[in-house]
Amino acid sequence: MKFKPLKDRVFVSYAEEEERTKGGLYVPDTAKEKPQKGKVEAVGSEVKELKVGDAVLFDKYSGSKVKMDDKEYLIIKEEDVLGIVEG
């Protein structure tokens, strides 16, 4: 299924990472406040700095979650992207 975001929206695929301590204890989501990482799958017509395929960081509570083809995606505004991960 294809999705084309409108205006300044970005369509991002991501996976929520389970984190464990070195001792093997699970760290709950409420204890994590770090940004999330994802991959840009599609961009709207007004997006200036991002392109399909970019790895990006965004705030944990940004945008709207959607499920398509049994995979979770996020629709966020370009301004909610914190940066592009290079390398």
PDB file of N, CA and C in Angstrom:
ATOM      1  N   MET A   1       0.848  -1.175   0.000  1.00  0.00           N
ATOM      2  CA  MET A   1       0.000   0.000   0.000  1.00  0.00           C
ATOM      3  C   MET A   1       0.895   1.240   0.000  1.00  0.00           C
ATOM      4  N   LYS A   2       0.550   2.227  -0.810  1.00  0.00           N
ATOM      5  CA  LYS A   2       1.312   3.461  -0.869  1.00  0.00           C
ATOM      6  C   LYS A   2       0.577   4.554  -0.108  1.00  0.00           C
ATOM      7  N   PHE A   3       1.361   5.479   0.458  1.00  0.00           N
ATOM      8  CA  PHE A   3       0.795   6.599   1.199  1.00  0.00           C
ATOM      9  C   PHE A   3       1.561   7.852   0.810  1.00  0.00           C
ATOM     10  N   LYS A   4       0.859   8.911   0.469  1.00  0.00           N
ATOM     11  CA  LYS A   4       1.469  10.187   0.127  1.00  0.00           C
ATOM     12  C   LYS A   4       1.020  11.224   1.142  1.00  0.00           C
ATOM     13  N   PRO A   5       1.937  11.682   2.019  1.00  0.00           N
ATOM     14  CA  PRO A   5       1.560  12.708   2.994  1.00  0.00           C
ATOM     15  C   PRO A   5       1.310  14.055   2.311  1.00  0.00           C
ATOM     16  N   LEU A   6       0.522  14.885   2.948  1.00  0.00           N
ATOM     17  CA  LEU A   6       0.196  16.201   2.415  1.00  0.00           C
ATOM     18  C   LEU A   6       1.066  17.284   3.046  1.00  0.00           C
ATOM     19  N   LYS A   7       1.280  18.337   2.300  1.00  0.00           N
ATOM     20  CA  LYS A   7       1.973  19.553   2.728  1.00  0.00           C
ATOM     21  C   LYS A   7       3.304  19.281   3.422  1.00  0.00           C
ATOM     22  N   ASP A   8       3.415  19.624   4.728  1.00  0.00           N
ATOM     23  CA  ASP A   8       4.699  19.511   5.436  1.00  0.00           C
ATOM     24  C   ASP A   8       4.790  18.237   6.281  1.00  0.00           C
ATOM     25  N   ARG A   9       4.024  17.236   5.930  1.00  0.00           N
ATOM     26  CA  ARG A   9       4.019  15.981   6.685  1.00  0.00           C
ATOM     27  C   ARG A   9       5.057  14.995   6.150  1.00  0.00           C
ATOM     28  N   VAL A  10       5.534  14.146   7.048  1.00  0.00           N
ATOM     29  CA  VAL A  10       6.527  13.123   6.716  1.00  0.00           C
ATOM     30  C   VAL A  10       5.985  11.782   7.199  1.00  0.00           C
ATOM     31  N   PHE A  11       6.098  10.756   6.381  1.00  0.00           N
ATOM     32  CA  PHE A  11       5.645   9.402   6.686  1.00  0.00           C
ATOM     33  C   PHE A  11       6.882   8.585   7.053  1.00  0.00           C
ATOM     34  N   VAL A  12       6.931   8.116   8.299  1.00  0.00           N
ATOM     35  CA  VAL A  12       8.139   7.486   8.846  1.00  0.00           C
ATOM     36  C   VAL A  12       7.840   6.068   9.313  1.00  0.00           C
ATOM     37  N   SER A  13       8.717   5.127   8.961  1.00  0.00           N
ATOM     38  CA  SER A  13       8.619   3.776   9.517  1.00  0.00           C
ATOM     39  C   SER A  13       9.564   3.711  10.709  1.00  0.00           C
ATOM     40  N   TYR A  14       9.161   2.999  11.722  1.00  0.00           N
ATOM     41  CA  TYR A  14      10.003   2.893  12.910  1.00  0.00           C
ATOM     42  C   TYR A  14       9.630   1.649  13.682  1.00  0.00           C
ATOM     43  N   ALA A  15      10.484   1.303  14.601  1.00  0.00           N
ATOM     44  CA  ALA A  15      10.218   0.181  15.498  1.00  0.00           C
ATOM     45  C   ALA A  15      10.522   0.651  16.903  1.00  0.00           C
ATOM     46  N   GLU A  16       9.586   0.440  17.799  1.00  0.00           N
ATOM     47  CA  GLU A  16       9.847   0.784  19.190  1.00  0.00           C
ATOM     48  C   GLU A  16      10.833  -0.225  19.744  1.00  0.00           C
ATOM     49  N   GLU A  17      11.922   0.290  20.274  1.00  0.00           N
ATOM     50  CA  GLU A  17      12.979  -0.576  20.756  1.00  0.00           C
ATOM     51  C   GLU A  17      12.758  -0.952  22.210  1.00  0.00           C
ATOM     52  N   GLU A  18      12.875  -2.239  22.490  1.00  0.00           N
ATOM     53  CA  GLU A  18      12.858  -2.678  23.877  1.00  0.00           C
ATOM     54  C   GLU A  18      14.257  -2.497  24.419  1.00  0.00           C
ATOM     55  N   GLU A  19      14.356  -1.878  25.556  1.00  0.00           N
ATOM     56  CA  GLU A  19      15.677  -1.672  26.131  1.00  0.00           C
ATOM     57  C   GLU A  19      15.822  -2.500  27.385  1.00  0.00           C
ATOM     58  N   ARG A  20      17.012  -3.001  27.548  1.00  0.00           N
ATOM     59  CA  ARG A  20      17.349  -3.783  28.728  1.00  0.00           C
ATOM     60  C   ARG A  20      18.648  -3.249  29.310  1.00  0.00           C
ATOM     61  N   THR A  21      18.784  -3.369  30.610  1.00  0.00           N
ATOM     62  CA  THR A  21      20.017  -2.978  31.257  1.00  0.00           C
ATOM     63  C   THR A  21      21.059  -4.061  31.017  1.00  0.00           C
ATOM     64  N   LYS A  22      22.306  -3.790  31.407  1.00  0.00           N
ATOM     65  CA  LYS A  22      23.360  -4.793  31.260  1.00  0.00           C
ATOM     66  C   LYS A  22      23.028  -6.059  32.033  1.00  0.00           C
ATOM     67  N   GLY A  23      22.269  -5.924  33.110  1.00  0.00           N
ATOM     68  CA  GLY A  23      21.863  -7.077  33.915  1.00  0.00           C
ATOM     69  C   GLY A  23      20.667  -7.823  33.342  1.00  0.00           C
ATOM     70  N   GLY A  24      20.090  -7.319  32.241  1.00  0.00           N
ATOM     71  CA  GLY A  24      18.988  -7.998  31.586  1.00  0.00           C
ATOM     72  C   GLY A  24      17.609  -7.532  32.001  1.00  0.00           C
ATOM     73  N   LEU A  25      17.510  -6.471  32.806  1.00  0.00           N
ATOM     74  CA  LEU A  25      16.208  -5.958  33.228  1.00  0.00           C
ATOM     75  C   LEU A  25      15.590  -5.108  32.127  1.00  0.00           C
ATOM     76  N   TYR A  26      14.294  -5.256  31.925  1.00  0.00           N
ATOM     77  CA  TYR A  26      13.554  -4.481  30.937  1.00  0.00           C
ATOM     78  C   TYR A  26      13.332  -3.064  31.451  1.00  0.00           C
ATOM     79  N   VAL A  27      13.564  -2.063  30.593  1.00  0.00           N
ATOM     80  CA  VAL A  27      13.343  -0.661  30.948  1.00  0.00           C
ATOM     81  C   VAL A  27      12.002  -0.244  30.352  1.00  0.00           C
ATOM     82  N   PRO A  28      10.998   0.088  31.181  1.00  0.00           N
ATOM     83  CA  PRO A  28       9.671   0.454  30.662  1.00  0.00           C
ATOM     84  C   PRO A  28       9.696   1.778  29.907  1.00  0.00           C
ATOM     85  N   ASP A  29       8.714   1.948  29.000  1.00  0.00           N
ATOM     86  CA  ASP A  29       8.616   3.170  28.200  1.00  0.00           C
ATOM     87  C   ASP A  29       8.564   4.426  29.055  1.00  0.00           C
ATOM     88  N   THR A  30       7.943   4.343  30.212  1.00  0.00           N
ATOM     89  CA  THR A  30       7.800   5.534  31.045  1.00  0.00           C
ATOM     90  C   THR A  30       9.144   6.016  31.586  1.00  0.00           C
ATOM     91  N   ALA A  31      10.139   5.165  31.605  1.00  0.00           N
ATOM     92  CA  ALA A  31      11.459   5.554  32.100  1.00  0.00           C
ATOM     93  C   ALA A  31      12.334   6.109  30.986  1.00  0.00           C
ATOM     94  N   LYS A  32      11.901   5.974  29.740  1.00  0.00           N
ATOM     95  CA  LYS A  32      12.692   6.432  28.597  1.00  0.00           C
ATOM     96  C   LYS A  32      12.168   7.776  28.122  1.00  0.00           C
ATOM     97  N   GLU A  33      13.043   8.701  27.909  1.00  0.00           N
ATOM     98  CA  GLU A  33      12.650  10.005  27.375  1.00  0.00           C
ATOM     99  C   GLU A  33      13.543  10.402  26.204  1.00  0.00           C
ATOM    100  N   LYS A  34      14.219   9.443  25.597  1.00  0.00           N
ATOM    101  CA  LYS A  34      15.101   9.779  24.498  1.00  0.00           C
ATOM    102  C   LYS A  34      14.322   9.812  23.182  1.00  0.00           C
ATOM    103  N   PRO A  35      14.875  10.496  22.171  1.00  0.00           N
ATOM    104  CA  PRO A  35      14.198  10.544  20.875  1.00  0.00           C
ATOM    105  C   PRO A  35      14.119   9.167  20.224  1.00  0.00           C
ATOM    106  N   GLN A  36      13.196   9.025  19.302  1.00  0.00           N
ATOM    107  CA  GLN A  36      13.002   7.794  18.558  1.00  0.00           C
ATOM    108  C   GLN A  36      13.690   7.930  17.200  1.00  0.00           C
ATOM    109  N   LYS A  37      14.015   6.792  16.595  1.00  0.00           N
ATOM    110  CA  LYS A  37      14.673   6.786  15.298  1.00  0.00           C
ATOM    111  C   LYS A  37      13.770   6.105  14.281  1.00  0.00           C
ATOM    112  N   GLY A  38      13.768   6.608  13.057  1.00  0.00           N
ATOM    113  CA  GLY A  38      12.964   6.009  12.005  1.00  0.00           C
ATOM    114  C   GLY A  38      13.524   6.314  10.634  1.00  0.00           C
ATOM    115  N   LYS A  39      12.858   5.812   9.623  1.00  0.00           N
ATOM    116  CA  LYS A  39      13.282   6.000   8.237  1.00  0.00           C
ATOM    117  C   LYS A  39      12.154   6.682   7.468  1.00  0.00           C
ATOM    118  N   VAL A  40      12.475   7.725   6.731  1.00  0.00           N
ATOM    119  CA  VAL A  40      11.489   8.461   5.940  1.00  0.00           C
ATOM    120  C   VAL A  40      11.050   7.592   4.770  1.00  0.00           C
ATOM    121  N   GLU A  41       9.751   7.326   4.692  1.00  0.00           N
ATOM    122  CA  GLU A  41       9.180   6.504   3.622  1.00  0.00           C
ATOM    123  C   GLU A  41       8.544   7.351   2.524  1.00  0.00           C
ATOM    124  N   ALA A  42       8.019   8.537   2.900  1.00  0.00           N
ATOM    125  CA  ALA A  42       7.395   9.444   1.930  1.00  0.00           C
ATOM    126  C   ALA A  42       7.358  10.847   2.532  1.00  0.00           C
ATOM    127  N   VAL A  43       7.366  11.853   1.672  1.00  0.00           N
ATOM    128  CA  VAL A  43       7.323  13.243   2.142  1.00  0.00           C
ATOM    129  C   VAL A  43       6.241  14.005   1.385  1.00  0.00           C
ATOM    130  N   GLY A  44       5.689  15.016   2.050  1.00  0.00           N
ATOM    131  CA  GLY A  44       4.692  15.873   1.419  1.00  0.00           C
ATOM    132  C   GLY A  44       5.325  16.889   0.484  1.00  0.00           C
ATOM    133  N   SER A  45       4.504  17.594  -0.261  1.00  0.00           N
ATOM    134  CA  SER A  45       4.983  18.528  -1.286  1.00  0.00           C
ATOM    135  C   SER A  45       5.715  19.743  -0.727  1.00  0.00           C
ATOM    136  N   GLU A  46       5.480  20.104   0.535  1.00  0.00           N
ATOM    137  CA  GLU A  46       6.123  21.278   1.128  1.00  0.00           C
ATOM    138  C   GLU A  46       7.334  20.946   1.987  1.00  0.00           C
ATOM    139  N   VAL A  47       7.739  19.685   2.041  1.00  0.00           N
ATOM    140  CA  VAL A  47       8.908  19.286   2.831  1.00  0.00           C
ATOM    141  C   VAL A  47      10.165  19.705   2.079  1.00  0.00           C
ATOM    142  N   LYS A  48      11.056  20.447   2.775  1.00  0.00           N
ATOM    143  CA  LYS A  48      12.216  21.040   2.116  1.00  0.00           C
ATOM    144  C   LYS A  48      13.522  20.302   2.388  1.00  0.00           C
ATOM    145  N   GLU A  49      13.724  19.819   3.613  1.00  0.00           N
ATOM    146  CA  GLU A  49      15.035  19.305   3.978  1.00  0.00           C
ATOM    147  C   GLU A  49      15.142  17.786   4.049  1.00  0.00           C
ATOM    148  N   LEU A  50      14.044  17.082   3.991  1.00  0.00           N
ATOM    149  CA  LEU A  50      14.075  15.626   4.118  1.00  0.00           C
ATOM    150  C   LEU A  50      13.754  14.963   2.794  1.00  0.00           C
ATOM    151  N   LYS A  51      14.299  13.742   2.628  1.00  0.00           N
ATOM    152  CA  LYS A  51      13.989  12.977   1.430  1.00  0.00           C
ATOM    153  C   LYS A  51      13.754  11.525   1.819  1.00  0.00           C
ATOM    154  N   VAL A  52      13.110  10.792   0.948  1.00  0.00           N
ATOM    155  CA  VAL A  52      12.827   9.376   1.184  1.00  0.00           C
ATOM    156  C   VAL A  52      14.139   8.642   1.404  1.00  0.00           C
ATOM    157  N   GLY A  53      14.160   7.804   2.450  1.00  0.00           N
ATOM    158  CA  GLY A  53      15.355   7.032   2.774  1.00  0.00           C
ATOM    159  C   GLY A  53      16.185   7.614   3.897  1.00  0.00           C
ATOM    160  N   ASP A  54      15.963   8.886   4.266  1.00  0.00           N
ATOM    161  CA  ASP A  54      16.711   9.500   5.368  1.00  0.00           C
ATOM    162  C   ASP A  54      16.395   8.803   6.685  1.00  0.00           C
ATOM    163  N   ALA A  55      17.424   8.577   7.495  1.00  0.00           N
ATOM    164  CA  ALA A  55      17.239   8.099   8.869  1.00  0.00           C
ATOM    165  C   ALA A  55      17.107   9.346   9.735  1.00  0.00           C
ATOM    166  N   VAL A  56      16.045   9.432  10.528  1.00  0.00           N
ATOM    167  CA  VAL A  56      15.771  10.640  11.300  1.00  0.00           C
ATOM    168  C   VAL A  56      15.503  10.323  12.768  1.00  0.00           C
ATOM    169  N   LEU A  57      15.705  11.337  13.609  1.00  0.00           N
ATOM    170  CA  LEU A  57      15.329  11.275  15.019  1.00  0.00           C
ATOM    171  C   LEU A  57      14.155  12.216  15.229  1.00  0.00           C
ATOM    172  N   PHE A  58      13.215  11.791  16.082  1.00  0.00           N
ATOM    173  CA  PHE A  58      12.051  12.618  16.391  1.00  0.00           C
ATOM    174  C   PHE A  58      11.659  12.359  17.834  1.00  0.00           C
ATOM    175  N   ASP A  59      10.929  13.304  18.422  1.00  0.00           N
ATOM    176  CA  ASP A  59      10.483  13.151  19.801  1.00  0.00           C
ATOM    177  C   ASP A  59       9.551  11.960  19.939  1.00  0.00           C
ATOM    178  N   LYS A  60       9.605  11.334  21.094  1.00  0.00           N
ATOM    179  CA  LYS A  60       8.825  10.127  21.362  1.00  0.00           C
ATOM    180  C   LYS A  60       7.326  10.326  21.160  1.00  0.00           C
ATOM    181  N   TYR A  61       6.796  11.462  21.538  1.00  0.00           N
ATOM    182  CA  TYR A  61       5.355  11.678  21.491  1.00  0.00           C
ATOM    183  C   TYR A  61       4.920  12.517  20.291  1.00  0.00           C
ATOM    184  N   SER A  62       5.738  12.574  19.242  1.00  0.00           N
ATOM    185  CA  SER A  62       5.406  13.349  18.045  1.00  0.00           C
ATOM    186  C   SER A  62       4.438  12.597  17.142  1.00  0.00           C
ATOM    187  N   GLY A  63       3.635  13.335  16.421  1.00  0.00           N
ATOM    188  CA  GLY A  63       2.830  12.792  15.333  1.00  0.00           C
ATOM    189  C   GLY A  63       1.722  11.841  15.699  1.00  0.00           C
ATOM    190  N   SER A  64       1.252  11.156  14.659  1.00  0.00           N
ATOM    191  CA  SER A  64       0.148  10.209  14.795  1.00  0.00           C
ATOM    192  C   SER A  64       0.593   8.839  14.307  1.00  0.00           C
ATOM    193  N   LYS A  65       0.352   7.828  15.123  1.00  0.00           N
ATOM    194  CA  LYS A  65       0.689   6.459  14.747  1.00  0.00           C
ATOM    195  C   LYS A  65      -0.414   5.895  13.857  1.00  0.00           C
ATOM    196  N   VAL A  66      -0.003   5.173  12.806  1.00  0.00           N
ATOM    197  CA  VAL A  66      -0.946   4.482  11.933  1.00  0.00           C
ATOM    198  C   VAL A  66      -0.397   3.086  11.659  1.00  0.00           C
ATOM    199  N   LYS A  67      -1.296   2.156  11.395  1.00  0.00           N
ATOM    200  CA  LYS A  67      -0.883   0.797  11.083  1.00  0.00           C
ATOM    201  C   LYS A  67      -1.344   0.469   9.670  1.00  0.00           C
ATOM    202  N   MET A  68      -0.397   0.077   8.822  1.00  0.00           N
ATOM    203  CA  MET A  68      -0.698  -0.276   7.438  1.00  0.00           C
ATOM    204  C   MET A  68       0.081  -1.541   7.102  1.00  0.00           C
ATOM    205  N   ASP A  69      -0.574  -2.482   6.499  1.00  0.00           N
ATOM    206  CA  ASP A  69       0.077  -3.743   6.113  1.00  0.00           C
ATOM    207  C   ASP A  69       0.794  -4.389   7.300  1.00  0.00           C
ATOM    208  N   ASP A  70       0.154  -4.384   8.470  1.00  0.00           N
ATOM    209  CA  ASP A  70       0.683  -4.984   9.692  1.00  0.00           C
ATOM    210  C   ASP A  70       2.003  -4.375  10.170  1.00  0.00           C
ATOM    211  N   LYS A  71       2.285  -3.143   9.800  1.00  0.00           N
ATOM    212  CA  LYS A  71       3.484  -2.454  10.251  1.00  0.00           C
ATOM    213  C   LYS A  71       3.087  -1.082  10.758  1.00  0.00           C
ATOM    214  N   GLU A  72       3.760  -0.616  11.827  1.00  0.00           N
ATOM    215  CA  GLU A  72       3.446   0.695  12.386  1.00  0.00           C
ATOM    216  C   GLU A  72       4.255   1.789  11.716  1.00  0.00           C
ATOM    217  N   TYR A  73       3.588   2.900  11.460  1.00  0.00           N
ATOM    218  CA  TYR A  73       4.215   4.070  10.870  1.00  0.00           C
ATOM    219  C   TYR A  73       3.832   5.285  11.702  1.00  0.00           C
ATOM    220  N   LEU A  74       4.500   6.386  11.417  1.00  0.00           N
ATOM    221  CA  LEU A  74       4.224   7.631  12.106  1.00  0.00           C
ATOM    222  C   LEU A  74       4.101   8.729  11.063  1.00  0.00           C
ATOM    223  N   ILE A  75       3.102   9.583  11.224  1.00  0.00           N
ATOM    224  CA  ILE A  75       2.950  10.749  10.362  1.00  0.00           C
ATOM    225  C   ILE A  75       3.263  11.962  11.231  1.00  0.00           C
ATOM    226  N   ILE A  76       4.334  12.674  10.891  1.00  0.00           N
ATOM    227  CA  ILE A  76       4.760  13.827  11.686  1.00  0.00           C
ATOM    228  C   ILE A  76       4.995  15.030  10.780  1.00  0.00           C
ATOM    229  N   LYS A  77       5.008  16.204  11.385  1.00  0.00           N
ATOM    230  CA  LYS A  77       5.353  17.418  10.656  1.00  0.00           C
ATOM    231  C   LYS A  77       6.870  17.480  10.515  1.00  0.00           C
ATOM    232  N   GLU A  78       7.327  18.098   9.431  1.00  0.00           N
ATOM    233  CA  GLU A  78       8.775  18.228   9.215  1.00  0.00           C
ATOM    234  C   GLU A  78       9.434  18.926  10.386  1.00  0.00           C
ATOM    235  N   GLU A  79       8.770  19.915  10.972  1.00  0.00           N
ATOM    236  CA  GLU A  79       9.356  20.672  12.085  1.00  0.00           C
ATOM    237  C   GLU A  79       9.553  19.826  13.352  1.00  0.00           C
ATOM    238  N   ASP A  80       8.866  18.668  13.443  1.00  0.00           N
ATOM    239  CA  ASP A  80       9.013  17.781  14.601  1.00  0.00           C
ATOM    240  C   ASP A  80      10.204  16.847  14.482  1.00  0.00           C
ATOM    241  N   VAL A  81      10.843  16.821  13.307  1.00  0.00           N
ATOM    242  CA  VAL A  81      12.047  16.005  13.126  1.00  0.00           C
ATOM    243  C   VAL A  81      13.210  16.752  13.758  1.00  0.00           C
ATOM    244  N   LEU A  82      13.942  16.065  14.646  1.00  0.00           N
ATOM    245  CA  LEU A  82      15.050  16.691  15.356  1.00  0.00           C
ATOM    246  C   LEU A  82      16.321  16.748  14.519  1.00  0.00           C
ATOM    247  N   GLY A  83      16.500  15.776  13.627  1.00  0.00           N
ATOM    248  CA  GLY A  83      17.686  15.765  12.788  1.00  0.00           C
ATOM    249  C   GLY A  83      17.789  14.520  11.946  1.00  0.00           C
ATOM    250  N   ILE A  84      18.740  14.543  11.021  1.00  0.00           N
ATOM    251  CA  ILE A  84      19.013  13.420  10.137  1.00  0.00           C
ATOM    252  C   ILE A  84      20.242  12.689  10.674  1.00  0.00           C
ATOM    253  N   VAL A  85      20.155  11.369  10.753  1.00  0.00           N
ATOM    254  CA  VAL A  85      21.274  10.554  11.211  1.00  0.00           C
ATOM    255  C   VAL A  85      22.101  10.175   9.995  1.00  0.00           C
ATOM    256  N   GLU A  86      23.371  10.544  10.005  1.00  0.00           N
ATOM    257  CA  GLU A  86      24.252  10.233   8.879  1.00  0.00           C
ATOM    258  C   GLU A  86      25.265   9.184   9.288  1.00  0.00           C
ATOM    259  N   GLY A  87      25.592   8.316   8.331  1.00  0.00           N
ATOM    260  CA  GLY A  87      26.642   7.333   8.558  1.00  0.00           C
ATOM    261  C   GLY A  87      26.241   6.071   9.149  1.00  0.00           C
TER     262      GLY A  87
END
